[in-house]
């Protein structure tokens, strides 16, 4: 039985594998291997994918002689879960502190469109009572 999944359980390579599978929507071990930067061996990727499945992040179906894997949750749901973990870990749960940190990063050049979108999101959050 798969244990409860937690995004912070993922290592760097597991996150890379999940990124590839989310991009492709479903993928075999070979598909993932072709798209990983500095890829490890086929058997290492297969083992990591099986671990991701045992953690509850992936499920598989058989297609001919190979298994094809797909995520168990949408990318949006996974990103929301990861963001909550990030907020808790680095910003004491404060969205304000997280946004302030993003705005403070010197390499981020926000365009007028970016700022307008942020203003609209804030206005919508106020309207929704969040």
Protein backbone atom coordinates (compact mmCIF):
# COMPACT_ATOMS: atom_id res chain seq x y z
CA UNK A 1 0.00 0.00 0.00
CA UNK A 2 1.35 3.44 -0.91
CA UNK A 3 2.11 5.70 2.02
CA UNK A 4 0.81 9.26 2.25
CA UNK A 5 2.59 11.38 -0.30
CA UNK A 6 4.48 14.48 0.71
CA UNK A 7 6.20 16.74 -1.80
CA UNK A 8 9.05 17.46 0.58
CA UNK A 9 9.95 13.76 0.40
CA UNK A 10 11.24 14.27 -3.13
CA UNK A 11 14.92 14.56 -3.85
CA UNK A 12 16.39 16.60 -6.70
CA UNK A 13 16.39 13.75 -9.21
CA UNK A 14 12.87 12.69 -8.23
CA UNK A 15 11.68 16.26 -8.83
CA UNK A 16 13.37 16.19 -12.25
CA UNK A 17 11.61 12.93 -13.09
CA UNK A 18 8.25 14.31 -12.00
CA UNK A 19 8.87 17.43 -14.11
CA UNK A 20 9.50 15.28 -17.20
CA UNK A 21 6.41 13.15 -16.60
CA UNK A 22 4.24 16.23 -16.01
CA UNK A 23 5.54 17.75 -19.26
CA UNK A 24 4.82 14.58 -21.24
CA UNK A 25 1.63 13.73 -19.27
CA UNK A 26 2.69 10.07 -19.33
CA UNK A 27 6.05 8.47 -19.98
CA UNK A 28 8.03 5.25 -19.99
CA UNK A 29 11.38 4.92 -18.23
CA UNK A 30 13.08 5.41 -21.61
CA UNK A 31 11.12 8.60 -22.26
CA UNK A 32 12.21 10.00 -18.91
CA UNK A 33 15.82 8.91 -19.38
CA UNK A 34 16.06 10.77 -22.71
CA UNK A 35 14.96 14.05 -21.12
CA UNK A 36 16.92 14.08 -17.87
CA UNK A 37 19.97 16.33 -17.60
CA UNK A 38 23.11 14.29 -16.98
CA UNK A 39 21.02 11.09 -16.90
CA UNK A 40 21.90 8.18 -14.63
CA UNK A 41 21.60 4.57 -15.80
CA UNK A 42 18.34 3.11 -17.06
CA UNK A 43 18.06 0.90 -13.98
CA UNK A 44 18.56 3.91 -11.66
CA UNK A 45 15.74 5.81 -13.38
CA UNK A 46 13.52 2.73 -13.25
CA UNK A 47 14.22 2.36 -9.52
CA UNK A 48 13.47 6.04 -8.82
CA UNK A 49 10.23 5.81 -10.80
CA UNK A 50 9.20 2.75 -8.80
CA UNK A 51 9.96 4.66 -5.59
CA UNK A 52 7.84 7.56 -6.81
CA UNK A 53 5.05 5.07 -7.45
CA UNK A 54 5.42 3.56 -3.97
CA UNK A 55 5.27 7.08 -2.48
CA UNK A 56 1.99 7.60 -4.32
CA UNK A 57 3.17 10.19 -6.87
CA UNK A 58 2.84 7.96 -9.94
CA UNK A 59 0.74 5.08 -11.23
CA UNK A 60 1.42 2.86 -14.21
CA UNK A 61 -0.29 0.89 -16.92
CA UNK A 62 1.19 -1.74 -19.17
CA UNK A 63 1.67 -0.86 -22.84
CA UNK A 64 3.05 -3.84 -24.71
CA UNK A 65 6.27 -4.81 -23.00
CA UNK A 66 6.77 -1.58 -21.07
CA UNK A 67 5.13 0.35 -18.28
CA UNK A 68 3.85 3.86 -18.91
CA UNK A 69 3.69 6.14 -15.87
CA UNK A 70 1.48 9.13 -15.16
CA UNK A 71 1.11 11.40 -12.14
CA UNK A 72 -1.58 10.60 -9.57
CA UNK A 73 -2.43 14.26 -9.06
CA UNK A 74 -2.64 17.26 -11.35
CA UNK A 75 0.34 19.53 -11.74
CA UNK A 76 -1.74 22.36 -10.23
CA UNK A 77 -2.52 20.31 -7.11
CA UNK A 78 1.11 19.24 -6.77
CA UNK A 79 2.35 22.82 -7.15
CA UNK A 80 -0.14 24.04 -4.52
CA UNK A 81 1.08 21.38 -2.11
CA UNK A 82 4.73 22.25 -2.79
CA UNK A 83 4.01 25.95 -2.35
CA UNK A 84 2.35 25.32 1.03
CA UNK A 85 5.44 23.38 2.11
CA UNK A 86 7.70 26.22 0.89
CA UNK A 87 5.64 28.79 2.80
CA UNK A 88 5.79 26.71 5.97
CA UNK A 89 9.50 25.90 5.70
CA UNK A 90 10.95 29.26 4.68
CA UNK A 91 8.34 31.92 5.46
CA UNK A 92 6.63 30.73 8.68
CA UNK A 93 3.45 30.26 6.65
CA UNK A 94 3.33 33.92 5.60
CA UNK A 95 2.33 34.57 1.97
CA UNK A 96 3.24 38.23 2.51
CA UNK A 97 6.83 37.33 3.43
CA UNK A 98 7.06 35.02 0.41
CA UNK A 99 5.82 37.68 -2.01
CA UNK A 100 8.14 40.25 -0.41
CA UNK A 101 11.07 37.87 -0.93
CA UNK A 102 10.12 37.36 -4.58
CA UNK A 103 9.85 41.11 -5.14
CA UNK A 104 13.18 41.65 -3.38
CA UNK A 105 15.13 39.25 -5.61
CA UNK A 106 17.30 41.46 -7.80
CA UNK A 107 17.26 39.08 -10.78
CA UNK A 108 13.48 39.37 -11.10
CA UNK A 109 12.45 42.22 -13.39
CA UNK A 110 8.70 42.63 -13.09
CA UNK A 111 7.00 44.19 -16.07
CA UNK A 112 3.99 46.48 -15.85
CA UNK A 113 1.91 43.50 -16.99
CA UNK A 114 3.29 41.40 -14.12
CA UNK A 115 2.45 44.12 -11.61
CA UNK A 116 -1.04 44.55 -13.09
CA UNK A 117 -1.65 40.80 -12.79
CA UNK A 118 -0.52 40.88 -9.15
CA UNK A 119 -2.86 43.79 -8.46
CA UNK A 120 -5.74 41.87 -10.04
CA UNK A 121 -4.97 38.78 -7.96
CA UNK A 122 -4.90 40.86 -4.78
CA UNK A 123 -8.19 42.54 -5.71
CA UNK A 124 -9.77 39.13 -6.39
CA UNK A 125 -8.49 37.76 -3.06
CA UNK A 126 -10.03 40.75 -1.27
CA UNK A 127 -13.31 40.23 -3.10
CA UNK A 128 -13.33 36.52 -2.23
CA UNK A 129 -12.56 37.33 1.41
CA UNK A 130 -9.26 35.49 1.50
